[in-house]
Amino acid sequence: MPPSDESDELTSGHPSGHVNDAPADARTPADAGPTSATWPAQAPAVDDVAYGPDIPGESALRLLGNVEGKRILELGVGNGSNAVWLASHGAKVITIDPSAARIERAKALAEMHELRLELHHEDLAAAAMVRADTIDLVLSVYALAGESDPDRVFRQAHRVLRPECPIVVSVPHPACNLLDPSGAEVTRLANSWFDRTPRPWTIDGESGAEYPRSFGDLFGGLHRANFRVETVLEPEPLGPPHSRWWNDAMTKVPATLILRGRKQGI
């Protein structure tokens, strides 16, 4: 029998517009480059699972349910804050990230909190170290923005998940990708919805690219990997104080898209 998922009753009616106090981070100019290049590596303090900058976290959205005793695969570790929060709540956390620097930051954070994480410096789709049908939850926060072939990642997630278990993914919202928040008119359309050209970045000695995708691209990828998409969230921003990633465009279009799917078949 697959493990019970206590969040089954929470797949509708999420308080995605709930506004509470944001972390009191100093508001400094964000580094150049897309939010996905900096935000996961410099995420908020270890007090919640964060799905994106300036939006409600797990305590409000309740996408994961009770994680105690669950085996969780995190695809993209950021600075380790989400993984540490999950481990502190009794989860067995396995993380995969292609960035050695992010792995080291996560390791240091886990050691600071005297928690154990299983960390792997690998491509997100390279989950051979995880046996099939052994994972209770797959979580990926903003990391898929840097993947050239997310379908490979979805197929690996399907392989390792137990039957009927969930995957939760957040990415930069495709509507926000149309804008240029660094310009004089932050709500001016600067990019085409149909342009899938990778957008390269280099920050703090690390390089990568952000791959713009529509909701249809992500929904289709999950469907092809045999996931049933059961929740779609486009959270409204939190009230002030705002984080260093805040820009006024976030008051007009959602900055983050969150999808929750469930494994179908075997």
C-alpha atoms as a PDB file:
ATOM      1  CA  MET A   1       0.000   0.000   0.000  1.00  0.00           C
ATOM      2  CA  PRO A   2       1.359   3.481  -0.772  1.00  0.00           C
ATOM      3  CA  PRO A   3       1.910   5.762   2.206  1.00  0.00           C
ATOM      4  CA  SER A   4      -0.970   7.987   3.178  1.00  0.00           C
ATOM      5  CA  ASP A   5      -0.780  11.614   2.093  1.00  0.00           C
ATOM      6  CA  GLU A   6      -2.280  13.893   4.691  1.00  0.00           C
ATOM      7  CA  SER A   7      -2.483  16.756   2.190  1.00  0.00           C
ATOM      8  CA  ASP A   8      -5.073  14.993  -0.001  1.00  0.00           C
ATOM      9  CA  GLU A   9      -7.831  17.200   1.360  1.00  0.00           C
ATOM     10  CA  LEU A  10      -5.747  20.306   0.684  1.00  0.00           C
ATOM     11  CA  THR A  11      -5.638  20.236  -3.101  1.00  0.00           C
ATOM     12  CA  SER A  12      -8.243  22.957  -3.466  1.00  0.00           C
ATOM     13  CA  GLY A  13      -9.051  26.213  -1.763  1.00  0.00           C
ATOM     14  CA  HIS A  14      -5.459  27.176  -1.024  1.00  0.00           C
ATOM     15  CA  PRO A  15      -5.059  30.610   0.583  1.00  0.00           C
ATOM     16  CA  SER A  16      -2.848  31.690  -2.315  1.00  0.00           C
ATOM     17  CA  GLY A  17      -3.832  35.289  -1.790  1.00  0.00           C
ATOM     18  CA  HIS A  18      -3.099  35.188   1.943  1.00  0.00           C
ATOM     19  CA  VAL A  19      -0.922  38.085   3.031  1.00  0.00           C
ATOM     20  CA  ASN A  20       1.213  37.953   6.168  1.00  0.00           C
ATOM     21  CA  ASP A  21       4.449  39.570   7.277  1.00  0.00           C
ATOM     22  CA  ALA A  22       7.363  38.856   4.959  1.00  0.00           C
ATOM     23  CA  PRO A  23      10.802  38.134   6.431  1.00  0.00           C
ATOM     24  CA  ALA A  24      12.405  41.405   7.416  1.00  0.00           C
ATOM     25  CA  ASP A  25      15.263  41.094   4.935  1.00  0.00           C
ATOM     26  CA  ALA A  26      17.285  44.160   4.111  1.00  0.00           C
ATOM     27  CA  ARG A  27      16.047  45.570   0.832  1.00  0.00           C
ATOM     28  CA  THR A  28      19.099  45.809  -1.368  1.00  0.00           C
ATOM     29  CA  PRO A  29      19.310  45.771  -5.182  1.00  0.00           C
ATOM     30  CA  ALA A  30      19.155  42.253  -6.588  1.00  0.00           C
ATOM     31  CA  ASP A  31      22.137  40.961  -8.528  1.00  0.00           C
ATOM     32  CA  ALA A  32      21.943  41.257 -12.297  1.00  0.00           C
ATOM     33  CA  GLY A  33      20.315  38.307 -13.983  1.00  0.00           C
ATOM     34  CA  PRO A  34      17.056  36.390 -13.612  1.00  0.00           C
ATOM     35  CA  THR A  35      15.552  35.815 -10.185  1.00  0.00           C
ATOM     36  CA  SER A  36      15.985  32.045 -10.624  1.00  0.00           C
ATOM     37  CA  ALA A  37      19.778  32.522 -10.666  1.00  0.00           C
ATOM     38  CA  THR A  38      19.969  34.221  -7.273  1.00  0.00           C
ATOM     39  CA  TRP A  39      16.840  33.533  -5.259  1.00  0.00           C
ATOM     40  CA  PRO A  40      17.228  29.784  -4.664  1.00  0.00           C
ATOM     41  CA  ALA A  41      20.823  30.243  -3.541  1.00  0.00           C
ATOM     42  CA  GLN A  42      19.975  33.046  -1.123  1.00  0.00           C
ATOM     43  CA  ALA A  43      16.519  31.992   0.059  1.00  0.00           C
ATOM     44  CA  PRO A  44      14.922  33.147   3.348  1.00  0.00           C
ATOM     45  CA  ALA A  45      15.783  31.855   6.805  1.00  0.00           C
ATOM     46  CA  VAL A  46      14.943  28.296   7.860  1.00  0.00           C
ATOM     47  CA  ASP A  47      11.426  28.945   9.151  1.00  0.00           C
ATOM     48  CA  ASP A  48       9.271  27.530   6.339  1.00  0.00           C
ATOM     49  CA  VAL A  49       9.452  25.898   2.925  1.00  0.00           C
ATOM     50  CA  ALA A  50       9.719  28.837   0.513  1.00  0.00           C
ATOM     51  CA  TYR A  51       8.288  28.477  -3.006  1.00  0.00           C
ATOM     52  CA  GLY A  52       9.379  31.816  -4.441  1.00  0.00           C
ATOM     53  CA  PRO A  53      10.322  35.365  -3.486  1.00  0.00           C
ATOM     54  CA  ASP A  54       7.727  37.520  -1.740  1.00  0.00           C
ATOM     55  CA  ILE A  55       4.949  34.912  -1.709  1.00  0.00           C
ATOM     56  CA  PRO A  56       3.443  32.734   1.049  1.00  0.00           C
ATOM     57  CA  GLY A  57       5.323  29.576   1.988  1.00  0.00           C
ATOM     58  CA  GLU A  58       4.277  26.085   3.026  1.00  0.00           C
ATOM     59  CA  SER A  59       2.673  27.217   6.293  1.00  0.00           C
ATOM     60  CA  ALA A  60       0.065  29.083   4.229  1.00  0.00           C
ATOM     61  CA  LEU A  61      -0.163  27.023   1.032  1.00  0.00           C
ATOM     62  CA  ARG A  62      -0.042  23.566   2.687  1.00  0.00           C
ATOM     63  CA  LEU A  63       1.081  21.599  -0.362  1.00  0.00           C
ATOM     64  CA  LEU A  64       3.280  19.010   1.371  1.00  0.00           C
ATOM     65  CA  GLY A  65       1.214  17.765   4.288  1.00  0.00           C
ATOM     66  CA  ASN A  66       2.873  16.063   7.251  1.00  0.00           C
ATOM     67  CA  VAL A  67       6.448  15.274   6.183  1.00  0.00           C
ATOM     68  CA  GLU A  68       7.504  13.384   9.306  1.00  0.00           C
ATOM     69  CA  GLY A  69       8.982  10.001   8.404  1.00  0.00           C
ATOM     70  CA  LYS A  70       8.717  10.625   4.659  1.00  0.00           C
ATOM     71  CA  ARG A  71      11.505  10.178   2.115  1.00  0.00           C
ATOM     72  CA  ILE A  72      11.704  13.405   0.129  1.00  0.00           C
ATOM     73  CA  LEU A  73      13.733  14.021  -3.017  1.00  0.00           C
ATOM     74  CA  GLU A  74      14.550  17.699  -3.518  1.00  0.00           C
ATOM     75  CA  LEU A  75      15.615  18.622  -7.038  1.00  0.00           C
ATOM     76  CA  GLY A  76      17.675  21.780  -6.671  1.00  0.00           C
ATOM     77  CA  VAL A  77      18.898  22.572  -3.170  1.00  0.00           C
ATOM     78  CA  GLY A  78      19.235  26.374  -3.302  1.00  0.00           C
ATOM     79  CA  ASN A  79      21.075  27.311  -0.108  1.00  0.00           C
ATOM     80  CA  GLY A  80      19.610  24.322   1.734  1.00  0.00           C
ATOM     81  CA  SER A  81      16.959  26.186   3.728  1.00  0.00           C
ATOM     82  CA  ASN A  82      14.037  24.126   2.413  1.00  0.00           C
ATOM     83  CA  ALA A  83      15.896  20.846   2.905  1.00  0.00           C
ATOM     84  CA  VAL A  84      16.882  21.818   6.451  1.00  0.00           C
ATOM     85  CA  TRP A  85      13.283  22.775   7.288  1.00  0.00           C
ATOM     86  CA  LEU A  86      12.053  19.412   5.996  1.00  0.00           C
ATOM     87  CA  ALA A  87      14.723  17.493   7.918  1.00  0.00           C
ATOM     88  CA  SER A  88      13.924  19.437  11.085  1.00  0.00           C
ATOM     89  CA  HIS A  89      10.333  18.218  10.734  1.00  0.00           C
ATOM     90  CA  GLY A  90      11.365  14.581  10.591  1.00  0.00           C
ATOM     91  CA  ALA A  91      11.798  13.951   6.861  1.00  0.00           C
ATOM     92  CA  LYS A  92      14.609  11.946   5.273  1.00  0.00           C
ATOM     93  CA  VAL A  93      15.846  14.425   2.642  1.00  0.00           C
ATOM     94  CA  ILE A  94      17.807  13.501  -0.484  1.00  0.00           C
ATOM     95  CA  THR A  95      18.928  16.441  -2.591  1.00  0.00           C
ATOM     96  CA  ILE A  96      20.377  16.712  -6.094  1.00  0.00           C
ATOM     97  CA  ASP A  97      21.896  19.890  -7.499  1.00  0.00           C
ATOM     98  CA  PRO A  98      24.268  20.548 -10.438  1.00  0.00           C
ATOM     99  CA  SER A  99      26.010  23.376  -8.557  1.00  0.00           C
ATOM    100  CA  ALA A 100      28.891  22.409  -6.255  1.00  0.00           C
ATOM    101  CA  ALA A 101      28.684  25.824  -4.579  1.00  0.00           C
ATOM    102  CA  ARG A 102      25.030  25.320  -3.667  1.00  0.00           C
ATOM    103  CA  ILE A 103      25.735  21.840  -2.351  1.00  0.00           C
ATOM    104  CA  GLU A 104      28.443  23.268  -0.079  1.00  0.00           C
ATOM    105  CA  ARG A 105      26.144  26.011   1.186  1.00  0.00           C
ATOM    106  CA  ALA A 106      23.457  23.454   1.963  1.00  0.00           C
ATOM    107  CA  LYS A 107      25.964  21.207   3.738  1.00  0.00           C
ATOM    108  CA  ALA A 108      27.156  24.101   5.914  1.00  0.00           C
ATOM    109  CA  LEU A 109      23.588  25.096   6.791  1.00  0.00           C
ATOM    110  CA  ALA A 110      22.671  21.521   7.734  1.00  0.00           C
ATOM    111  CA  GLU A 111      25.753  21.243   9.942  1.00  0.00           C
ATOM    112  CA  MET A 112      24.886  24.527  11.628  1.00  0.00           C
ATOM    113  CA  HIS A 113      21.480  23.093  12.538  1.00  0.00           C
ATOM    114  CA  GLU A 114      22.943  19.667  13.412  1.00  0.00           C
ATOM    115  CA  LEU A 115      20.810  17.931  10.816  1.00  0.00           C
ATOM    116  CA  ARG A 116      21.681  15.301   8.240  1.00  0.00           C
ATOM    117  CA  LEU A 117      21.015  15.695   4.510  1.00  0.00           C
ATOM    118  CA  GLU A 118      21.936  13.305   1.715  1.00  0.00           C
ATOM    119  CA  LEU A 119      23.529  15.638  -0.830  1.00  0.00           C
ATOM    120  CA  HIS A 120      24.424  14.722  -4.433  1.00  0.00           C
ATOM    121  CA  HIS A 121      26.284  16.963  -6.881  1.00  0.00           C
ATOM    122  CA  GLU A 122      24.584  15.763 -10.069  1.00  0.00           C
ATOM    123  CA  ASP A 123      22.376  16.872 -12.932  1.00  0.00           C
ATOM    124  CA  LEU A 124      18.748  17.067 -11.798  1.00  0.00           C
ATOM    125  CA  ALA A 125      17.786  14.126 -14.022  1.00  0.00           C
ATOM    126  CA  ALA A 126      20.680  11.965 -12.753  1.00  0.00           C
ATOM    127  CA  ALA A 127      18.811  10.194  -9.950  1.00  0.00           C
ATOM    128  CA  ALA A 128      20.313   6.721 -10.468  1.00  0.00           C
ATOM    129  CA  MET A 129      21.335   6.647  -6.795  1.00  0.00           C
ATOM    130  CA  VAL A 130      17.633   6.594  -5.836  1.00  0.00           C
ATOM    131  CA  ARG A 131      15.788   3.303  -6.246  1.00  0.00           C
ATOM    132  CA  ALA A 132      12.446   3.174  -8.037  1.00  0.00           C
ATOM    133  CA  ASP A 133       9.263   3.497  -5.976  1.00  0.00           C
ATOM    134  CA  THR A 134      11.049   4.594  -2.782  1.00  0.00           C
ATOM    135  CA  ILE A 135      10.219   8.323  -2.546  1.00  0.00           C
ATOM    136  CA  ASP A 136       7.125   9.800  -0.888  1.00  0.00           C
ATOM    137  CA  LEU A 137       7.433  13.344  -2.250  1.00  0.00           C
ATOM    138  CA  VAL A 138       9.456  15.174  -4.921  1.00  0.00           C
ATOM    139  CA  LEU A 139       9.998  18.905  -4.423  1.00  0.00           C
ATOM    140  CA  SER A 140      11.636  21.340  -6.840  1.00  0.00           C
ATOM    141  CA  VAL A 141      11.737  25.081  -6.184  1.00  0.00           C
ATOM    142  CA  TYR A 142      12.842  27.293  -9.101  1.00  0.00           C
ATOM    143  CA  ALA A 143      15.508  24.783 -10.191  1.00  0.00           C
ATOM    144  CA  LEU A 144      13.655  23.670 -13.334  1.00  0.00           C
ATOM    145  CA  ALA A 145      14.084  27.183 -14.741  1.00  0.00           C
ATOM    146  CA  GLY A 146      17.676  26.186 -15.513  1.00  0.00           C
ATOM    147  CA  GLU A 147      16.862  22.836 -17.124  1.00  0.00           C
ATOM    148  CA  SER A 148      17.063  22.529 -20.914  1.00  0.00           C
ATOM    149  CA  ASP A 149      15.014  19.288 -20.872  1.00  0.00           C
ATOM    150  CA  PRO A 150      12.586  19.220 -17.912  1.00  0.00           C
ATOM    151  CA  ASP A 151      10.803  16.175 -19.366  1.00  0.00           C
ATOM    152  CA  ARG A 152      13.851  14.059 -18.393  1.00  0.00           C
ATOM    153  CA  VAL A 153      13.540  15.354 -14.842  1.00  0.00           C
ATOM    154  CA  PHE A 154       9.814  14.566 -14.720  1.00  0.00           C
ATOM    155  CA  ARG A 155      10.451  11.020 -15.956  1.00  0.00           C
ATOM    156  CA  GLN A 156      13.045  10.445 -13.221  1.00  0.00           C
ATOM    157  CA  ALA A 157      10.685  11.876 -10.623  1.00  0.00           C
ATOM    158  CA  HIS A 158       7.981   9.478 -11.772  1.00  0.00           C
ATOM    159  CA  ARG A 159      10.377   6.536 -11.570  1.00  0.00           C
ATOM    160  CA  VAL A 160      11.452   7.164  -7.979  1.00  0.00           C
ATOM    161  CA  LEU A 161       8.063   8.102  -6.530  1.00  0.00           C
ATOM    162  CA  ARG A 162       5.820   5.545  -4.910  1.00  0.00           C
ATOM    163  CA  PRO A 163       2.434   5.089  -6.619  1.00  0.00           C
ATOM    164  CA  GLU A 164      -0.003   7.981  -6.073  1.00  0.00           C
ATOM    165  CA  CYS A 165       2.622  10.146  -4.360  1.00  0.00           C
ATOM    166  CA  PRO A 166       3.004  13.860  -5.199  1.00  0.00           C
ATOM    167  CA  ILE A 167       5.442  16.136  -6.974  1.00  0.00           C
ATOM    168  CA  VAL A 168       5.460  19.862  -6.155  1.00  0.00           C
ATOM    169  CA  VAL A 169       7.224  22.240  -8.553  1.00  0.00           C
ATOM    170  CA  SER A 170       7.599  26.009  -8.532  1.00  0.00           C
ATOM    171  CA  VAL A 171       9.101  28.078 -11.352  1.00  0.00           C
ATOM    172  CA  PRO A 172       9.287  31.741 -12.358  1.00  0.00           C
ATOM    173  CA  HIS A 173       5.850  32.576 -13.730  1.00  0.00           C
ATOM    174  CA  PRO A 174       5.839  32.731 -17.544  1.00  0.00           C
ATOM    175  CA  ALA A 175       3.860  35.978 -17.454  1.00  0.00           C
ATOM    176  CA  CYS A 176       6.580  37.613 -15.369  1.00  0.00           C
ATOM    177  CA  ASN A 177       9.160  36.445 -17.923  1.00  0.00           C
ATOM    178  CA  LEU A 178       7.518  38.753 -20.457  1.00  0.00           C
ATOM    179  CA  LEU A 179       8.586  41.808 -18.506  1.00  0.00           C
ATOM    180  CA  ASP A 180      11.866  43.598 -17.920  1.00  0.00           C
ATOM    181  CA  PRO A 181      11.787  44.613 -14.252  1.00  0.00           C
ATOM    182  CA  SER A 182      15.094  46.460 -14.616  1.00  0.00           C
ATOM    183  CA  GLY A 183      13.658  48.866 -17.195  1.00  0.00           C
ATOM    184  CA  ALA A 184      12.062  52.263 -16.650  1.00  0.00           C
ATOM    185  CA  GLU A 185       8.586  50.810 -17.313  1.00  0.00           C
ATOM    186  CA  VAL A 186       8.521  47.550 -15.385  1.00  0.00           C
ATOM    187  CA  THR A 187       5.180  46.441 -16.843  1.00  0.00           C
ATOM    188  CA  ARG A 188       6.188  47.013 -20.471  1.00  0.00           C
ATOM    189  CA  LEU A 189       6.211  43.790 -22.521  1.00  0.00           C
ATOM    190  CA  ALA A 190       9.881  43.195 -23.296  1.00  0.00           C
ATOM    191  CA  ASN A 191       9.798  39.541 -24.428  1.00  0.00           C
ATOM    192  CA  SER A 192       7.551  37.313 -26.498  1.00  0.00           C
ATOM    193  CA  TRP A 193       5.407  34.621 -24.888  1.00  0.00           C
ATOM    194  CA  PHE A 194       6.497  32.312 -27.708  1.00  0.00           C
ATOM    195  CA  ASP A 195      10.246  32.949 -27.457  1.00  0.00           C
ATOM    196  CA  ARG A 196      11.962  29.926 -25.865  1.00  0.00           C
ATOM    197  CA  THR A 197      15.492  31.270 -26.379  1.00  0.00           C
ATOM    198  CA  PRO A 198      17.637  30.538 -23.293  1.00  0.00           C
ATOM    199  CA  ARG A 199      18.666  33.622 -21.332  1.00  0.00           C
ATOM    200  CA  PRO A 200      22.275  33.210 -20.117  1.00  0.00           C
ATOM    201  CA  TRP A 201      23.496  34.657 -16.823  1.00  0.00           C
ATOM    202  CA  THR A 202      26.734  34.855 -14.835  1.00  0.00           C
ATOM    203  CA  ILE A 203      26.622  35.715 -11.132  1.00  0.00           C
ATOM    204  CA  ASP A 204      29.282  35.318  -8.431  1.00  0.00           C
ATOM    205  CA  GLY A 205      31.451  33.117 -10.642  1.00  0.00           C
ATOM    206  CA  GLU A 206      28.629  30.756 -11.604  1.00  0.00           C
ATOM    207  CA  SER A 207      27.057  30.632 -15.063  1.00  0.00           C
ATOM    208  CA  GLY A 208      23.848  29.167 -16.380  1.00  0.00           C
ATOM    209  CA  ALA A 209      20.761  29.923 -18.400  1.00  0.00           C
ATOM    210  CA  GLU A 210      17.084  30.396 -17.709  1.00  0.00           C
ATOM    211  CA  TYR A 211      14.731  28.600 -20.120  1.00  0.00           C
ATOM    212  CA  PRO A 212      11.405  30.426 -20.549  1.00  0.00           C
ATOM    213  CA  ARG A 213       8.403  28.071 -20.568  1.00  0.00           C
ATOM    214  CA  SER A 214       4.668  28.493 -20.665  1.00  0.00           C
ATOM    215  CA  PHE A 215       2.178  26.814 -18.374  1.00  0.00           C
ATOM    216  CA  GLY A 216       1.318  24.538 -21.307  1.00  0.00           C
ATOM    217  CA  ASP A 217       4.959  23.405 -21.567  1.00  0.00           C
ATOM    218  CA  LEU A 218       5.091  22.415 -17.904  1.00  0.00           C
ATOM    219  CA  PHE A 219       1.621  20.877 -17.782  1.00  0.00           C
ATOM    220  CA  GLY A 220       2.387  18.882 -20.927  1.00  0.00           C
ATOM    221  CA  GLY A 221       5.687  17.637 -19.514  1.00  0.00           C
ATOM    222  CA  LEU A 222       4.034  16.409 -16.323  1.00  0.00           C
ATOM    223  CA  HIS A 223       1.244  14.760 -18.320  1.00  0.00           C
ATOM    224  CA  ARG A 224       3.698  12.977 -20.624  1.00  0.00           C
ATOM    225  CA  ALA A 225       5.539  11.648 -17.566  1.00  0.00           C
ATOM    226  CA  ASN A 226       2.196  10.250 -16.301  1.00  0.00           C
ATOM    227  CA  PHE A 227       1.430  12.748 -13.559  1.00  0.00           C
ATOM    228  CA  ARG A 228      -2.081  14.012 -12.872  1.00  0.00           C
ATOM    229  CA  VAL A 229      -1.888  17.759 -12.213  1.00  0.00           C
ATOM    230  CA  GLU A 230      -4.236  18.478  -9.329  1.00  0.00           C
ATOM    231  CA  THR A 231      -3.246  21.947  -8.083  1.00  0.00           C
ATOM    232  CA  VAL A 232      -2.153  25.125  -9.869  1.00  0.00           C
ATOM    233  CA  LEU A 233      -1.290  28.217  -7.813  1.00  0.00           C
ATOM    234  CA  GLU A 234      -0.310  31.755  -8.833  1.00  0.00           C
ATOM    235  CA  PRO A 235       0.143  33.354  -5.397  1.00  0.00           C
ATOM    236  CA  GLU A 236      -0.386  37.034  -4.796  1.00  0.00           C
ATOM    237  CA  PRO A 237       2.626  38.828  -3.293  1.00  0.00           C
ATOM    238  CA  LEU A 238       3.116  39.335   0.407  1.00  0.00           C
ATOM    239  CA  GLY A 239       2.801  42.792   1.889  1.00  0.00           C
ATOM    240  CA  PRO A 240       5.807  44.854   2.913  1.00  0.00           C
ATOM    241  CA  PRO A 241       8.533  44.650   4.040  1.00  0.00           C
ATOM    242  CA  HIS A 242       9.680  43.207   0.729  1.00  0.00           C
ATOM    243  CA  SER A 243      12.725  41.112  -0.070  1.00  0.00           C
ATOM    244  CA  ARG A 244      15.691  42.169  -2.197  1.00  0.00           C
ATOM    245  CA  TRP A 245      14.044  40.500  -5.213  1.00  0.00           C
ATOM    246  CA  TRP A 246      10.952  42.674  -5.113  1.00  0.00           C
ATOM    247  CA  ASN A 247       9.998  44.810  -8.090  1.00  0.00           C
ATOM    248  CA  ASP A 248       6.803  46.691  -8.854  1.00  0.00           C
ATOM    249  CA  ALA A 249       5.892  44.317 -11.685  1.00  0.00           C
ATOM    250  CA  MET A 250       4.944  41.778  -8.986  1.00  0.00           C
ATOM    251  CA  THR A 251       1.890  43.895  -8.172  1.00  0.00           C
ATOM    252  CA  LYS A 252       0.629  43.408 -11.736  1.00  0.00           C
ATOM    253  CA  VAL A 253       1.504  39.803 -12.639  1.00  0.00           C
ATOM    254  CA  PRO A 254       2.313  36.735 -10.515  1.00  0.00           C
ATOM    255  CA  ALA A 255       6.035  36.112 -10.074  1.00  0.00           C
ATOM    256  CA  THR A 256       5.782  32.398  -9.290  1.00  0.00           C
ATOM    257  CA  LEU A 257       3.825  29.459 -10.714  1.00  0.00           C
ATOM    258  CA  ILE A 258       3.338  26.378  -8.520  1.00  0.00           C
ATOM    259  CA  LEU A 259       2.122  22.982  -9.801  1.00  0.00           C
ATOM    260  CA  ARG A 260       1.274  19.921  -7.729  1.00  0.00           C
ATOM    261  CA  GLY A 261       0.867  16.603  -9.495  1.00  0.00           C
ATOM    262  CA  ARG A 262       0.380  13.000  -8.475  1.00  0.00           C
ATOM    263  CA  LYS A 263       2.047   9.922  -9.920  1.00  0.00           C
ATOM    264  CA  GLN A 264      -0.196   7.712 -11.993  1.00  0.00           C
ATOM    265  CA  GLY A 265       0.593   4.162 -13.108  1.00  0.00           C
ATOM    266  CA  ILE A 266       3.807   2.377 -12.211  1.00  0.00           C
END
